[in-house]
N, C-alpha and C. Protein backbone atom coordinates (compact mmCIF):
# COMPACT_ATOMS: atom_id res chain seq x y z
N MET A 1 45.11 6.44 -27.60
CA MET A 1 44.17 4.47 -26.35
C MET A 1 45.45 4.62 -25.16
N LYS A 2 44.58 4.94 -23.68
CA LYS A 2 45.54 4.06 -23.44
C LYS A 2 44.96 4.56 -21.82
N LEU A 3 45.22 3.69 -20.72
CA LEU A 3 45.13 3.25 -19.40
C LEU A 3 45.12 4.05 -18.35
N ILE A 4 43.70 4.35 -18.20
CA ILE A 4 43.86 5.69 -16.49
C ILE A 4 43.83 4.86 -15.67
N TYR A 5 44.34 4.92 -14.58
CA TYR A 5 44.66 4.63 -13.02
C TYR A 5 43.58 5.47 -11.87
N ARG A 6 42.59 5.06 -10.91
CA ARG A 6 42.66 6.11 -10.33
C ARG A 6 43.80 6.10 -9.53
N LYS A 7 44.46 5.86 -9.06
CA LYS A 7 45.85 6.53 -8.11
C LYS A 7 46.42 7.34 -9.02
N THR A 8 46.18 7.14 -10.39
CA THR A 8 47.03 8.34 -10.91
C THR A 8 45.87 9.36 -11.48
N LEU A 9 44.64 9.11 -10.62
CA LEU A 9 43.44 11.04 -10.75
C LEU A 9 43.94 10.98 -9.64
N ILE A 10 44.16 9.92 -9.11
CA ILE A 10 44.56 10.84 -7.73
C ILE A 10 45.68 11.70 -7.03
N ASP A 11 46.52 11.37 -7.54
CA ASP A 11 48.19 11.48 -7.34
C ASP A 11 47.96 12.87 -7.99
N SER A 12 47.60 12.70 -9.56
CA SER A 12 47.65 14.06 -9.91
C SER A 12 46.43 15.43 -9.26
N LEU A 13 45.84 14.87 -8.87
CA LEU A 13 45.11 15.70 -8.45
C LEU A 13 45.53 17.43 -8.40
N PRO A 14 46.32 17.61 -7.68
CA PRO A 14 47.14 19.08 -8.02
C PRO A 14 47.34 19.42 -9.17
N GLU A 15 48.02 18.92 -9.37
CA GLU A 15 48.40 19.57 -10.29
C GLU A 15 46.83 20.14 -11.71
N ARG A 16 45.85 18.72 -12.35
CA ARG A 16 45.61 19.54 -13.00
C ARG A 16 44.22 20.57 -11.80
N TRP A 17 44.14 20.19 -10.38
CA TRP A 17 43.63 21.56 -9.97
C TRP A 17 43.85 22.81 -10.27
N PHE A 18 45.84 23.10 -10.35
CA PHE A 18 46.12 24.07 -10.51
C PHE A 18 46.41 24.52 -12.08
N ASP A 19 45.82 23.27 -12.99
CA ASP A 19 45.54 23.46 -14.70
C ASP A 19 44.52 24.41 -14.92
N THR A 20 43.73 23.55 -13.93
CA THR A 20 42.16 23.89 -14.23
C THR A 20 41.77 25.79 -13.31
N TYR A 21 42.22 25.95 -12.51
CA TYR A 21 41.94 27.54 -11.67
C TYR A 21 43.47 28.23 -11.12
N LEU A 22 44.19 28.26 -11.57
CA LEU A 22 45.32 28.32 -11.14
C LEU A 22 46.00 29.17 -12.68
N ARG A 23 45.86 28.76 -13.68
CA ARG A 23 47.00 29.16 -14.84
C ARG A 23 46.57 30.29 -15.48
N ARG A 24 45.28 30.84 -15.02
CA ARG A 24 45.79 32.60 -15.24
C ARG A 24 45.00 32.92 -13.91
N ASP A 25 46.53 33.92 -13.52
CA ASP A 25 45.79 34.68 -11.95
C ASP A 25 45.37 35.85 -12.20
N ASP A 26 44.47 35.84 -13.01
CA ASP A 26 43.46 37.44 -12.64
C ASP A 26 42.10 36.65 -12.46
N ALA A 27 42.08 35.33 -13.15
CA ALA A 27 40.14 35.14 -12.46
C ALA A 27 39.50 35.18 -11.25
N PRO A 28 38.64 35.40 -11.42
CA PRO A 28 38.24 36.41 -9.93
C PRO A 28 38.20 35.32 -8.62
N TYR A 29 38.12 34.05 -9.30
CA TYR A 29 37.80 32.98 -8.19
C TYR A 29 39.51 32.15 -7.75
N TYR A 30 40.62 33.24 -7.73
CA TYR A 30 42.05 32.47 -8.63
C TYR A 30 42.53 32.35 -6.74
N ALA A 31 42.16 33.56 -5.72
CA ALA A 31 42.59 33.16 -4.46
C ALA A 31 41.63 32.60 -3.39
N ARG A 32 40.65 31.71 -3.61
CA ARG A 32 39.88 30.45 -3.21
C ARG A 32 41.00 29.01 -4.26
N ALA A 33 40.83 29.57 -4.69
CA ALA A 33 41.59 28.11 -5.55
C ALA A 33 42.78 27.63 -4.89
N LYS A 34 43.78 29.08 -5.20
CA LYS A 34 44.81 29.21 -4.31
C LYS A 34 45.29 28.57 -3.60
N VAL A 35 44.26 29.10 -2.56
CA VAL A 35 44.48 28.07 -0.93
C VAL A 35 43.95 27.07 -0.56
N LYS A 36 43.04 26.36 -1.60
CA LYS A 36 42.69 24.95 -1.78
C LYS A 36 44.36 24.48 -2.90
N TYR A 37 44.63 25.08 -3.39
CA TYR A 37 45.85 24.61 -4.24
C TYR A 37 46.95 24.13 -2.69
N ASP A 38 47.65 24.96 -1.81
CA ASP A 38 48.50 24.80 -1.05
C ASP A 38 48.40 24.12 -0.44
N ALA A 39 46.60 23.60 -0.11
CA ALA A 39 46.53 23.33 0.90
C ALA A 39 46.42 21.51 0.70
N LEU A 40 46.27 21.20 -0.60
CA LEU A 40 46.40 20.46 -1.64
C LEU A 40 47.88 19.54 -1.66
N MET A 41 48.94 20.91 -1.80
CA MET A 41 50.52 20.84 -1.86
C MET A 41 50.93 20.11 -0.44
N ALA A 42 49.92 20.67 0.76
CA ALA A 42 49.99 20.07 2.16
C ALA A 42 49.51 18.80 2.39
N LEU A 43 48.84 18.44 2.19
CA LEU A 43 48.99 16.74 2.03
C LEU A 43 49.25 15.74 2.22
N PRO A 44 49.09 15.00 2.96
CA PRO A 44 50.77 13.96 3.22
C PRO A 44 50.61 13.13 2.06
N ARG A 45 51.70 12.83 1.10
CA ARG A 45 51.74 11.66 0.31
C ARG A 45 51.99 10.23 1.00
N PRO A 46 51.39 9.40 0.66
CA PRO A 46 50.04 8.79 -0.84
C PRO A 46 49.54 9.73 -0.22
N LEU A 47 48.42 10.89 -1.31
CA LEU A 47 47.14 10.85 -0.90
C LEU A 47 46.09 10.04 -1.39
N SER A 48 45.55 10.71 -0.33
CA SER A 48 44.01 9.38 -0.67
C SER A 48 42.78 10.10 -1.61
N ALA A 49 41.81 9.22 -1.45
CA ALA A 49 41.41 10.05 -2.63
C ALA A 49 39.58 10.29 -1.61
N GLU A 50 39.67 9.77 -0.11
CA GLU A 50 39.28 10.82 0.69
C GLU A 50 39.77 11.73 1.21
N ALA A 51 40.66 12.34 0.63
CA ALA A 51 41.68 13.45 2.10
C ALA A 51 41.26 14.70 0.75
N VAL A 52 41.38 14.08 -0.48
CA VAL A 52 41.65 15.31 -1.61
C VAL A 52 39.87 15.62 -2.13
N ASP A 53 38.44 15.01 -1.56
CA ASP A 53 37.62 14.61 -1.24
C ASP A 53 36.98 15.94 -0.61
N ALA A 54 37.49 15.85 0.28
CA ALA A 54 37.65 16.07 1.37
C ALA A 54 37.25 17.35 1.24
N LEU A 55 38.64 18.09 0.66
CA LEU A 55 39.34 19.30 0.63
C LEU A 55 38.88 20.47 -0.94
N VAL A 56 38.77 19.85 -1.64
CA VAL A 56 38.30 20.04 -2.82
C VAL A 56 37.06 19.68 -2.88
N ALA A 57 35.67 18.72 -1.77
CA ALA A 57 34.47 19.65 -1.85
C ALA A 57 33.78 18.96 -2.85
N ARG A 58 34.46 18.10 -3.87
CA ARG A 58 33.24 17.37 -4.71
C ARG A 58 34.38 16.00 -4.55
N THR A 59 33.67 14.99 -5.06
CA THR A 59 34.22 13.23 -5.38
C THR A 59 34.35 13.51 -7.36
N GLY A 60 33.44 14.43 -8.30
CA GLY A 60 34.25 14.23 -8.77
C GLY A 60 35.45 13.74 -9.85
N TRP A 61 36.87 14.55 -8.65
CA TRP A 61 38.43 14.36 -9.11
C TRP A 61 38.29 13.37 -9.05
N THR A 62 38.49 12.77 -8.62
CA THR A 62 38.83 11.17 -8.21
C THR A 62 38.02 10.52 -8.60
N ASP A 63 36.90 10.12 -9.31
CA ASP A 63 36.02 9.44 -9.78
C ASP A 63 36.47 8.90 -10.91
N LEU A 64 36.58 7.17 -10.87
CA LEU A 64 37.48 6.60 -12.83
C LEU A 64 35.26 5.65 -12.85
N LYS A 65 34.99 6.25 -13.60
CA LYS A 65 33.63 5.47 -14.00
C LYS A 65 34.01 5.21 -15.44
N CYS A 66 32.93 4.17 -15.69
CA CYS A 66 32.86 3.38 -17.25
C CYS A 66 31.72 4.04 -16.99
N ASP A 67 31.72 4.35 -18.99
CA ASP A 67 31.43 4.72 -19.61
C ASP A 67 29.61 4.37 -20.07
N GLU A 68 30.00 2.79 -20.02
CA GLU A 68 29.51 1.76 -20.84
C GLU A 68 28.19 1.15 -19.65
N CYS A 69 28.99 0.05 -18.98
CA CYS A 69 28.63 0.14 -17.91
C CYS A 69 27.77 0.39 -16.34
N LEU A 70 28.22 2.25 -16.69
CA LEU A 70 28.93 3.65 -15.37
C LEU A 70 29.02 2.78 -14.15
N ARG A 71 29.96 1.73 -14.38
CA ARG A 71 30.11 0.96 -12.88
C ARG A 71 31.34 2.25 -12.19
N ASP A 72 30.71 3.53 -11.57
CA ASP A 72 31.79 4.00 -10.64
C ASP A 72 33.20 3.63 -9.63
N ASP A 73 33.25 2.69 -9.75
CA ASP A 73 34.37 2.44 -8.47
C ASP A 73 35.90 1.42 -9.36
N CYS A 74 36.65 2.15 -10.69
CA CYS A 74 37.10 1.56 -10.92
C CYS A 74 38.09 1.44 -11.21
N GLU A 75 39.85 0.69 -10.80
CA GLU A 75 40.49 1.35 -10.19
C GLU A 75 41.48 1.48 -11.97
N VAL A 76 40.82 0.64 -12.78
CA VAL A 76 41.56 0.63 -14.02
C VAL A 76 40.42 1.01 -15.08
N VAL A 77 40.49 2.04 -16.13
CA VAL A 77 39.81 2.05 -17.17
C VAL A 77 40.49 2.24 -18.44
N VAL A 78 40.33 2.08 -20.09
CA VAL A 78 40.71 2.69 -20.78
C VAL A 78 40.87 3.11 -21.81
N GLU A 79 40.94 4.81 -22.39
CA GLU A 79 40.66 5.99 -22.40
C GLU A 79 40.82 5.16 -24.27
N LEU A 80 39.94 5.22 -24.94
CA LEU A 80 39.43 5.59 -26.57
C LEU A 80 38.60 6.52 -27.05
N GLY A 81 38.97 7.69 -27.93
CA GLY A 81 38.89 8.66 -28.47
C GLY A 81 39.81 9.77 -28.32
N GLU A 82 39.21 11.27 -28.46
CA GLU A 82 40.29 11.61 -28.28
C GLU A 82 40.53 12.33 -26.85
N GLU A 83 41.36 12.76 -26.74
CA GLU A 83 42.21 13.84 -25.25
C GLU A 83 40.59 14.55 -25.00
N PRO A 84 41.10 13.72 -23.70
CA PRO A 84 39.50 14.58 -22.96
C PRO A 84 39.69 16.01 -23.11
N GLU A 85 38.68 16.56 -23.08
CA GLU A 85 38.29 18.02 -23.15
C GLU A 85 36.93 18.56 -23.86
N HIS A 86 37.17 19.60 -23.44
CA HIS A 86 34.97 20.56 -23.28
C HIS A 86 34.75 19.42 -24.77
N ASP A 87 33.56 19.24 -24.45
CA ASP A 87 33.31 18.34 -26.46
C ASP A 87 34.16 17.69 -27.26
N THR A 88 34.34 16.75 -26.36
CA THR A 88 35.13 16.30 -27.07
C THR A 88 34.59 14.58 -26.93
N ARG A 89 34.92 13.78 -27.72
CA ARG A 89 34.52 12.73 -28.25
C ARG A 89 35.11 11.59 -27.65
N THR A 90 34.86 10.87 -26.24
CA THR A 90 35.93 10.53 -25.76
C THR A 90 35.39 9.20 -24.92
N VAL A 91 35.35 8.29 -23.94
CA VAL A 91 35.08 7.11 -23.65
C VAL A 91 36.03 6.75 -22.56
N TRP A 92 35.64 6.20 -21.39
CA TRP A 92 36.49 5.27 -19.87
C TRP A 92 35.87 4.23 -20.69
N LEU A 93 36.57 2.59 -20.79
CA LEU A 93 35.67 1.69 -20.49
C LEU A 93 36.41 0.70 -19.58
N CYS A 94 35.68 0.01 -18.81
CA CYS A 94 35.97 -1.14 -17.39
C CYS A 94 37.16 -1.72 -18.23
N LEU A 95 37.55 -3.24 -17.19
CA LEU A 95 37.94 -4.20 -18.43
C LEU A 95 37.05 -4.42 -18.36
N ASP A 96 35.82 -5.52 -17.86
CA ASP A 96 34.28 -6.17 -18.24
C ASP A 96 34.40 -5.59 -19.80
N CYS A 97 33.79 -4.40 -19.69
CA CYS A 97 33.16 -4.06 -20.24
C CYS A 97 33.89 -3.94 -21.95
N THR A 98 34.99 -3.45 -21.80
CA THR A 98 36.20 -3.69 -22.92
C THR A 98 36.73 -4.97 -22.85
N THR A 99 36.49 -6.20 -22.20
CA THR A 99 36.40 -6.69 -22.95
C THR A 99 34.94 -7.57 -23.71
N ASN A 100 34.19 -7.25 -23.97
CA ASN A 100 32.99 -7.93 -24.00
C ASN A 100 32.48 -6.78 -25.58
N ALA A 101 33.04 -5.83 -26.15
CA ALA A 101 33.61 -4.94 -26.57
C ALA A 101 34.17 -5.62 -28.19
N LEU A 102 35.26 -6.32 -27.20
CA LEU A 102 36.60 -7.62 -28.10
C LEU A 102 35.24 -8.46 -28.56
N ALA A 103 34.83 -9.58 -27.11
CA ALA A 103 34.04 -10.55 -28.18
C ALA A 103 33.17 -10.27 -29.25
N LEU A 104 32.58 -8.86 -28.69
CA LEU A 104 31.61 -8.64 -29.77
C LEU A 104 32.19 -7.86 -31.56
N MET A 105 33.12 -7.65 -31.69
CA MET A 105 33.69 -7.24 -32.50
C MET A 105 34.64 -8.74 -33.10
N THR A 106 34.97 -9.40 -32.21
CA THR A 106 35.67 -10.85 -32.52
C THR A 106 34.61 -11.56 -33.49
N ALA A 107 32.92 -11.66 -33.32
CA ALA A 107 31.84 -12.57 -33.52
C ALA A 107 31.49 -12.30 -34.79
N THR A 108 31.66 -10.92 -34.82
CA THR A 108 31.14 -10.69 -35.57
C THR A 108 32.36 -10.31 -37.28
N GLY A 109 32.78 -9.89 -36.62
CA GLY A 109 34.32 -10.37 -37.90
C GLY A 109 34.44 -9.01 -38.31
């Protein structure tokens, strides 16, 4: 269990991009991914969601969404379950849903 902050997702995007696309230099898309990685590294700091989303041409890299209520503008969530990877059981809950879960557990004993 840990807290995930949207700002952390944004700031870690170059590293996550590298881990996803550039770990193996024999990948067929390596050259294009390297161009984007270099552009990410050249962006002024602190990074903004708008800048990285525009560069990557996809918003999912900076989205922080509650898996229960589906609110997609969270600044922080609690991560429960396994370390996120393909086919893992992981859930992100916003403060309201975490509070509601605690209230439900407390009420039912």
